[in-house]
C-alpha atoms as a PDB file:
ATOM      1  CA  MET A   1       1.925   1.086   8.070  1.00  0.00           C
ATOM      2  CA  ILE A   2       3.791   1.526   4.783  1.00  0.00           C
ATOM      3  CA  LEU A   3       7.574   1.917   4.715  1.00  0.00           C
ATOM      4  CA  ARG A   4       9.719   3.439   2.001  1.00  0.00           C
ATOM      5  CA  VAL A   5      13.117   1.733   2.211  1.00  0.00           C
ATOM      6  CA  ASP A   6      16.394   2.533   0.443  1.00  0.00           C
ATOM      7  CA  ALA A   7      17.146  -0.653  -1.516  1.00  0.00           C
ATOM      8  CA  THR A   8      20.899  -0.106  -1.235  1.00  0.00           C
ATOM      9  CA  THR A   9      21.301   0.719   2.441  1.00  0.00           C
ATOM     10  CA  GLY A  10      18.132  -0.725   3.948  1.00  0.00           C
ATOM     11  CA  SER A  11      17.451   2.601   5.662  1.00  0.00           C
ATOM     12  CA  VAL A  12      13.829   3.562   6.232  1.00  0.00           C
ATOM     13  CA  LEU A  13      13.266   6.777   4.272  1.00  0.00           C
ATOM     14  CA  ARG A  14       9.618   7.338   5.135  1.00  0.00           C
ATOM     15  CA  THR A  15       6.867   5.862   7.273  1.00  0.00           C
ATOM     16  CA  LEU A  16       3.249   6.221   6.215  1.00  0.00           C
ATOM     17  CA  GLN A  17       0.591   5.503   8.814  1.00  0.00           C
ATOM     18  CA  ILE A  18      -2.579   3.879   7.481  1.00  0.00           C
ATOM     19  CA  PRO A  19      -5.642   4.022   9.781  1.00  0.00           C
ATOM     20  CA  ALA A  20      -6.284   0.274   9.653  1.00  0.00           C
ATOM     21  CA  ASN A  21      -5.105  -2.708  11.666  1.00  0.00           C
ATOM     22  CA  LYS A  22      -4.070  -4.904   8.725  1.00  0.00           C
ATOM     23  CA  VAL A  23      -2.472  -3.501   5.552  1.00  0.00           C
ATOM     24  CA  THR A  24      -2.702  -6.127   2.808  1.00  0.00           C
ATOM     25  CA  CYS A  25      -1.248  -4.585  -0.366  1.00  0.00           C
ATOM     26  CA  ALA A  26       0.137  -1.344  -1.769  1.00  0.00           C
ATOM     27  CA  VAL A  27       0.376  -0.469  -5.468  1.00  0.00           C
ATOM     28  CA  PHE A  28       1.009   2.688  -7.471  1.00  0.00           C
ATOM     29  CA  GLY A  29      -1.652   3.811  -9.928  1.00  0.00           C
ATOM     30  CA  GLY A  30      -3.092   6.844 -11.632  1.00  0.00           C
ATOM     31  CA  ALA A  31      -2.137   8.288 -15.012  1.00  0.00           C
ATOM     32  CA  ASP A  32       1.352   9.226 -13.784  1.00  0.00           C
ATOM     33  CA  LEU A  33       1.749   6.350 -11.286  1.00  0.00           C
ATOM     34  CA  ASP A  34       1.924   8.946  -8.513  1.00  0.00           C
ATOM     35  CA  GLU A  35      -1.044   7.703  -6.479  1.00  0.00           C
ATOM     36  CA  LEU A  36      -0.563   4.952  -3.923  1.00  0.00           C
ATOM     37  CA  TYR A  37      -3.491   2.576  -3.424  1.00  0.00           C
ATOM     38  CA  VAL A  38      -3.449   0.658  -0.153  1.00  0.00           C
ATOM     39  CA  THR A  39      -5.848  -2.189   0.615  1.00  0.00           C
ATOM     40  CA  THR A  40      -6.593  -3.305   4.145  1.00  0.00           C
ATOM     41  CA  ALA A  41      -8.472  -6.106   5.878  1.00  0.00           C
ATOM     42  CA  ASN A  42     -10.546  -6.433   9.007  1.00  0.00           C
ATOM     43  CA  ILE A  43     -11.071 -10.196   8.972  1.00  0.00           C
ATOM     44  CA  ARG A  44     -10.660 -11.743  12.413  1.00  0.00           C
ATOM     45  CA  ASP A  45     -10.462  -8.323  14.064  1.00  0.00           C
ATOM     46  CA  THR A  46     -11.799  -8.301  17.590  1.00  0.00           C
ATOM     47  CA  PRO A  47     -14.604  -5.891  18.493  1.00  0.00           C
ATOM     48  CA  GLU A  48     -11.981  -3.746  20.241  1.00  0.00           C
ATOM     49  CA  GLU A  49      -9.822  -3.627  17.087  1.00  0.00           C
ATOM     50  CA  ARG A  50     -12.842  -2.751  14.941  1.00  0.00           C
ATOM     51  CA  GLY A  51     -13.615   0.063  17.351  1.00  0.00           C
ATOM     52  CA  LYS A  52     -10.041   1.361  17.191  1.00  0.00           C
ATOM     53  CA  PHE A  53      -9.705   0.887  13.405  1.00  0.00           C
ATOM     54  CA  PRO A  54     -13.203   1.386  11.929  1.00  0.00           C
ATOM     55  CA  LEU A  55     -11.756   1.913   8.429  1.00  0.00           C
ATOM     56  CA  GLY A  56     -10.227  -1.564   8.293  1.00  0.00           C
ATOM     57  CA  GLY A  57     -11.323  -3.452   5.186  1.00  0.00           C
ATOM     58  CA  THR A  58     -11.279  -0.392   2.949  1.00  0.00           C
ATOM     59  CA  THR A  59      -8.990   0.824   0.174  1.00  0.00           C
ATOM     60  CA  PHE A  60      -7.087   4.082   0.626  1.00  0.00           C
ATOM     61  CA  ARG A  61      -5.733   6.394  -2.075  1.00  0.00           C
ATOM     62  CA  VAL A  62      -2.691   8.384  -0.978  1.00  0.00           C
ATOM     63  CA  THR A  63      -1.552  11.378  -3.040  1.00  0.00           C
ATOM     64  CA  GLY A  64       1.143  14.012  -2.702  1.00  0.00           C
ATOM     65  CA  LEU A  65       3.940  11.612  -1.780  1.00  0.00           C
ATOM     66  CA  GLY A  66       6.434  13.066  -4.261  1.00  0.00           C
ATOM     67  CA  VAL A  67       7.359   9.628  -5.621  1.00  0.00           C
ATOM     68  CA  LYS A  68       6.171   7.552  -8.563  1.00  0.00           C
ATOM     69  CA  GLY A  69       5.757   3.865  -9.177  1.00  0.00           C
ATOM     70  CA  TYR A  70       7.318   1.783 -11.921  1.00  0.00           C
ATOM     71  CA  ALA A  71       5.114   0.712 -14.827  1.00  0.00           C
ATOM     72  CA  GLY A  72       6.919  -2.598 -15.194  1.00  0.00           C
ATOM     73  CA  ASP A  73       7.929  -4.479 -18.296  1.00  0.00           C
ATOM     74  CA  LYS A  74       5.666  -6.266 -20.751  1.00  0.00           C
ATOM     75  CA  ALA A  75       6.101  -9.998 -21.042  1.00  0.00           C
ATOM     76  CA  ILE A  76       4.849 -12.606 -23.480  1.00  0.00           C
ATOM     77  CA  LEU A  77       4.181 -15.959 -21.871  1.00  0.00           C
ATOM     78  CA  ASP A  78       3.929 -19.220 -23.778  1.00  0.00           C
ATOM     79  CA  LEU A  79       1.602 -21.301 -21.649  1.00  0.00           C
ATOM     80  CA  GLU A  80       1.599 -24.369 -23.890  1.00  0.00           C
END
């Protein structure tokens, strides 16, 4: 499950169901940062869980959410 939360109030604005038992990461991508990529895992799933969530361990692309991600800021790191 993915939640969209208002950073000011903490209110849940949207719930997105993902057909997998374990969601591992979500990131915006695409040319306009309007596609949400969601990775999942199925490690240590029981046979019953694998039967209920056969798509576990795959990556999902979600479109049409009406929101965009943030490209971030560039940084220069001095590693010496």
